[in-house]
Amino acid sequence: MKLDSSLAAVVTGGASGLGAATARMLAAEGVKVALFDRNTEQGEDMAADVGGLFVNVDVTDQVSVEQGFAKAREAHGQERILVNCAGIAPVAKTTSRGKPHPIDMFEKVIGVNLVGSFRCLSLAATGMADLEPVTPDGGRGVIVSTASVAAFDGQIGQVAYAASKAGVAGMTLPVARDLSKSGIRVMTIAPGIFETPMLLGLSQEVQDSLGQQVPFPSRLGKASEYAKLVKSICENDMLNGETIRLDGAIRMAPR
C-alpha cells in the first residue's frame, strides 16, 4: 500500500516515543494522522507538529475508544492504517517480601497493552472492511501492533508486561487469518531496548550500559527506526501475520 495523502491513519500512544515517531513518519508521507493518547498537552503539541488531530482516548474504555475513532473519521475519513503503540510497563515480582503481585496492577497492564490493542484493532478492522481495495491484491488496510522482546525474554519483575506483550504477539496470526478475506494485513513489531521517554529519563551512564548489551549495533534503538519498519510493513503486501523482533539481536538476561 503506497503511503500518500489519500490515506488516513490512527496511532495510539501517539503523543511520545514510538507512537510520536510513527506519526511523524506517516505525516511526512502525506498521510492524515490522528493521535490517541491520555497526555493532552503532549498530544496536542505533537498533533500541531504533524498537522494532525489529537484525541484524548483511554484504550481501556470502550466508549472512549469508539468516540475517538468517530472523531478521527469525521476529520480524516475511515483510517486504512492503525498503529497500536499505547502501553505501560510497571514492575513487580510474582511474590516479594511475603506479598503476592498486586492483582490490580496485573489486570491493568493486560487491560492497556493487550485488551486495549485488541479493542482498537477490532474497531479499526470493522471500518476498514467496508472500504474499497486500494492495492492490486485487494488490500484495504494495515494494522501494526507493538509487542516487546519481553514477550519472549521476560525479565525478573516483568511478569505482567511480558504476559501482555506475549498476548499481543500471540493474537497476530489468528487476527491476520480472521481478516484475510477482507484484505486487511496484521503485523506486530517486538522492539528491544529503545529510546523511549522512560529510558531517556535514566542517566547517560545507565543508557550507555543498556546499549552495550545489544550485540549489534551496540546502542539503544531509535524511535525513528521503529517508524521505518512500520513504513516497510505498510508498503510490502507480503508482510502479514508475523511478529518481527527489532532488537539488534539482543536476548534479555534474567535481570
Foldseek 3Di string as FASTA:
>chain_A
DQQAQLAEEEEEVLLFFLNVLLLQVSLVRNYAYEYEDQDVVSQVVSCVVSVHHYADADLLDLVRLVVSQVVSCVVRNQHQEYEYDWADFFFDACDDPHRGDPVVVLVVRLSTQAVSLVSNVVVSLVRQLPDFADDPVGARHEYEYEAALCLVQPAGRRPSNNVNSVNVQVCFQVVLVVCVVSRYFGEYEHEYFAPTVVLVVDDPVVQQVCLCQQPPPSHHHYSNVSSVVVNVCGVDSVDGSHYHYHYNPHRDDND
